[in-house]
């Protein structure tokens, strides 16, 4: 799977590297420095039942409002849930649709 950015919509593709941050290098025991306030935990709800559980949680910039996940020849699109309690973590992104990868 490759990570990419859709320049037409400004939506980042979620994968192993999210918003230029290599999540595979993170571990639970690794302390996070002063940038901790600039990263939030999010969960993805809805979409296909066969979307793997490990693709349903991400750490992203709080400025992001859309995520797209590469899945079976297309992208699953998720948008930030506007109905949530302030300071509620993780932030929920809900499935909004699917697009196919153009060949």
C-alpha atoms as a PDB file:
ATOM      1  CA  UNK A   1       0.000   0.000   0.000  1.00  0.00           C
ATOM      2  CA  UNK A   2       1.293   3.428  -0.824  1.00  0.00           C
ATOM      3  CA  UNK A   3       0.453   6.707   0.817  1.00  0.00           C
ATOM      4  CA  UNK A   4      -0.536   9.636  -1.336  1.00  0.00           C
ATOM      5  CA  UNK A   5      -2.181  13.006  -1.243  1.00  0.00           C
ATOM      6  CA  UNK A   6      -5.151  13.864  -3.429  1.00  0.00           C
ATOM      7  CA  UNK A   7      -4.226  17.369  -4.595  1.00  0.00           C
ATOM      8  CA  UNK A   8      -7.712  18.028  -5.953  1.00  0.00           C
ATOM      9  CA  UNK A   9      -9.367  17.750  -2.550  1.00  0.00           C
ATOM     10  CA  UNK A  10      -6.493  18.212  -0.114  1.00  0.00           C
ATOM     11  CA  UNK A  11      -7.372  14.952   1.620  1.00  0.00           C
ATOM     12  CA  UNK A  12      -4.505  12.832   2.903  1.00  0.00           C
ATOM     13  CA  UNK A  13      -4.467   9.088   2.432  1.00  0.00           C
ATOM     14  CA  UNK A  14      -4.310   7.262   5.738  1.00  0.00           C
ATOM     15  CA  UNK A  15      -1.914   4.384   5.929  1.00  0.00           C
ATOM     16  CA  UNK A  16       1.295   3.455   7.699  1.00  0.00           C
ATOM     17  CA  UNK A  17       2.418   7.049   7.267  1.00  0.00           C
ATOM     18  CA  UNK A  18      -0.273   9.562   8.231  1.00  0.00           C
ATOM     19  CA  UNK A  19       0.305  13.230   7.437  1.00  0.00           C
ATOM     20  CA  UNK A  20       4.076  12.709   7.029  1.00  0.00           C
ATOM     21  CA  UNK A  21       4.345  10.934  10.404  1.00  0.00           C
ATOM     22  CA  UNK A  22       5.609   7.335  10.296  1.00  0.00           C
ATOM     23  CA  UNK A  23       3.301   5.552  12.755  1.00  0.00           C
ATOM     24  CA  UNK A  24       5.264   2.300  12.546  1.00  0.00           C
ATOM     25  CA  UNK A  25       8.103   3.918  14.509  1.00  0.00           C
ATOM     26  CA  UNK A  26       5.824   4.732  17.447  1.00  0.00           C
ATOM     27  CA  UNK A  27       5.556   2.482  20.459  1.00  0.00           C
ATOM     28  CA  UNK A  28       3.532   2.687  23.662  1.00  0.00           C
ATOM     29  CA  UNK A  29       6.708   3.105  25.698  1.00  0.00           C
ATOM     30  CA  UNK A  30       8.125   5.947  23.601  1.00  0.00           C
ATOM     31  CA  UNK A  31       7.574   9.337  25.213  1.00  0.00           C
ATOM     32  CA  UNK A  32       6.147  12.012  22.941  1.00  0.00           C
ATOM     33  CA  UNK A  33       7.739  15.448  23.203  1.00  0.00           C
ATOM     34  CA  UNK A  34       6.201  18.901  22.904  1.00  0.00           C
ATOM     35  CA  UNK A  35       4.396  17.917  19.706  1.00  0.00           C
ATOM     36  CA  UNK A  36       1.892  15.798  21.637  1.00  0.00           C
ATOM     37  CA  UNK A  37      -0.660  18.614  21.567  1.00  0.00           C
ATOM     38  CA  UNK A  38      -0.481  18.648  17.768  1.00  0.00           C
ATOM     39  CA  UNK A  39      -1.486  14.987  17.379  1.00  0.00           C
ATOM     40  CA  UNK A  40      -4.895  13.509  18.238  1.00  0.00           C
ATOM     41  CA  UNK A  41      -6.205   9.952  18.317  1.00  0.00           C
ATOM     42  CA  UNK A  42      -9.084   9.242  15.947  1.00  0.00           C
ATOM     43  CA  UNK A  43     -11.277   6.230  15.214  1.00  0.00           C
ATOM     44  CA  UNK A  44     -13.067   5.491  11.964  1.00  0.00           C
ATOM     45  CA  UNK A  45     -16.694   4.352  12.147  1.00  0.00           C
ATOM     46  CA  UNK A  46     -18.860   2.913   9.421  1.00  0.00           C
ATOM     47  CA  UNK A  47     -17.757   1.790   5.997  1.00  0.00           C
ATOM     48  CA  UNK A  48     -17.130  -1.766   4.875  1.00  0.00           C
ATOM     49  CA  UNK A  49     -17.274  -4.543   7.451  1.00  0.00           C
ATOM     50  CA  UNK A  50     -14.033  -6.026   6.112  1.00  0.00           C
ATOM     51  CA  UNK A  51     -11.967  -2.879   6.792  1.00  0.00           C
ATOM     52  CA  UNK A  52      -9.250  -4.200   9.146  1.00  0.00           C
ATOM     53  CA  UNK A  53      -9.355  -3.042  12.773  1.00  0.00           C
ATOM     54  CA  UNK A  54      -5.782  -1.721  12.546  1.00  0.00           C
ATOM     55  CA  UNK A  55      -6.944   0.726   9.834  1.00  0.00           C
ATOM     56  CA  UNK A  56      -9.721   2.075  12.055  1.00  0.00           C
ATOM     57  CA  UNK A  57      -7.475   4.010  14.444  1.00  0.00           C
ATOM     58  CA  UNK A  58      -5.076   6.784  13.504  1.00  0.00           C
ATOM     59  CA  UNK A  59      -3.060   9.621  14.982  1.00  0.00           C
ATOM     60  CA  UNK A  60      -3.389  12.836  12.966  1.00  0.00           C
ATOM     61  CA  UNK A  61      -3.190  16.608  13.171  1.00  0.00           C
ATOM     62  CA  UNK A  62      -6.223  18.207  14.841  1.00  0.00           C
ATOM     63  CA  UNK A  63      -6.579  20.413  11.736  1.00  0.00           C
ATOM     64  CA  UNK A  64      -7.549  17.417   9.561  1.00  0.00           C
ATOM     65  CA  UNK A  65     -11.267  17.035   8.842  1.00  0.00           C
ATOM     66  CA  UNK A  66     -11.128  14.273   6.215  1.00  0.00           C
ATOM     67  CA  UNK A  67      -9.273  10.968   5.948  1.00  0.00           C
ATOM     68  CA  UNK A  68      -9.188   8.500   3.082  1.00  0.00           C
ATOM     69  CA  UNK A  69      -8.033   4.918   3.521  1.00  0.00           C
ATOM     70  CA  UNK A  70      -6.802   2.748   0.654  1.00  0.00           C
ATOM     71  CA  UNK A  71      -8.924  -0.415   0.619  1.00  0.00           C
ATOM     72  CA  UNK A  72      -9.463  -3.076  -2.094  1.00  0.00           C
ATOM     73  CA  UNK A  73      -8.748  -0.986  -5.191  1.00  0.00           C
ATOM     74  CA  UNK A  74     -10.365   2.180  -3.924  1.00  0.00           C
ATOM     75  CA  UNK A  75     -10.521   4.655  -1.102  1.00  0.00           C
ATOM     76  CA  UNK A  76     -12.879   4.726   1.860  1.00  0.00           C
ATOM     77  CA  UNK A  77     -13.616   8.332   2.821  1.00  0.00           C
ATOM     78  CA  UNK A  78     -14.239   9.484   6.386  1.00  0.00           C
ATOM     79  CA  UNK A  79     -15.093  12.937   7.756  1.00  0.00           C
ATOM     80  CA  UNK A  80     -14.858  14.319  11.270  1.00  0.00           C
ATOM     81  CA  UNK A  81     -18.073  13.835  13.243  1.00  0.00           C
ATOM     82  CA  UNK A  82     -19.454  17.297  13.937  1.00  0.00           C
ATOM     83  CA  UNK A  83     -21.653  16.038  16.787  1.00  0.00           C
ATOM     84  CA  UNK A  84     -19.293  15.381  19.675  1.00  0.00           C
ATOM     85  CA  UNK A  85     -18.556  16.625  23.152  1.00  0.00           C
ATOM     86  CA  UNK A  86     -15.617  19.036  23.438  1.00  0.00           C
ATOM     87  CA  UNK A  87     -12.378  17.364  24.554  1.00  0.00           C
ATOM     88  CA  UNK A  88     -13.833  13.906  23.819  1.00  0.00           C
ATOM     89  CA  UNK A  89     -11.059  11.560  22.738  1.00  0.00           C
ATOM     90  CA  UNK A  90     -10.631   9.734  20.505  1.00  0.00           C
ATOM     91  CA  UNK A  91     -12.244  11.916  17.843  1.00  0.00           C
ATOM     92  CA  UNK A  92     -14.708  10.030  15.647  1.00  0.00           C
ATOM     93  CA  UNK A  93     -14.548  10.166  11.853  1.00  0.00           C
ATOM     94  CA  UNK A  94     -17.609   8.705  10.086  1.00  0.00           C
ATOM     95  CA  UNK A  95     -17.645   6.973   6.710  1.00  0.00           C
ATOM     96  CA  UNK A  96     -19.009   9.166   3.907  1.00  0.00           C
ATOM     97  CA  UNK A  97     -18.391   7.066   0.805  1.00  0.00           C
ATOM     98  CA  UNK A  98     -16.035   5.178  -1.457  1.00  0.00           C
ATOM     99  CA  UNK A  99     -14.181   6.054  -4.636  1.00  0.00           C
ATOM    100  CA  UNK A 100     -12.309   3.746  -6.993  1.00  0.00           C
ATOM    101  CA  UNK A 101      -8.686   4.221  -7.961  1.00  0.00           C
ATOM    102  CA  UNK A 102      -8.457   5.375 -11.589  1.00  0.00           C
ATOM    103  CA  UNK A 103      -6.276   3.206 -13.767  1.00  0.00           C
END
